[in-house]
């Protein structure tokens, strides 16, 4: 139902939290792009196809929000 998109050092934190949430029964997924240029838009679209919401976690000035 929920997909969290994150990259870099913040992405490792999000990965840990998503695993804990899944263990508690929450329907949450995780998308961590290896590179932001070129942005993997097709892969993100496929990963988020059945999601109700997509959350973006960033530790920067918002560079990824336009891509997502």
Foldseek 3Di string as FASTA:
>chain_A
DEEEEEEDPVLVVVVVVVVVVVVVPDDYYYDYDPDVVVHPLVVVCVVCVPPPYYHYDYPDDCPCVVVD
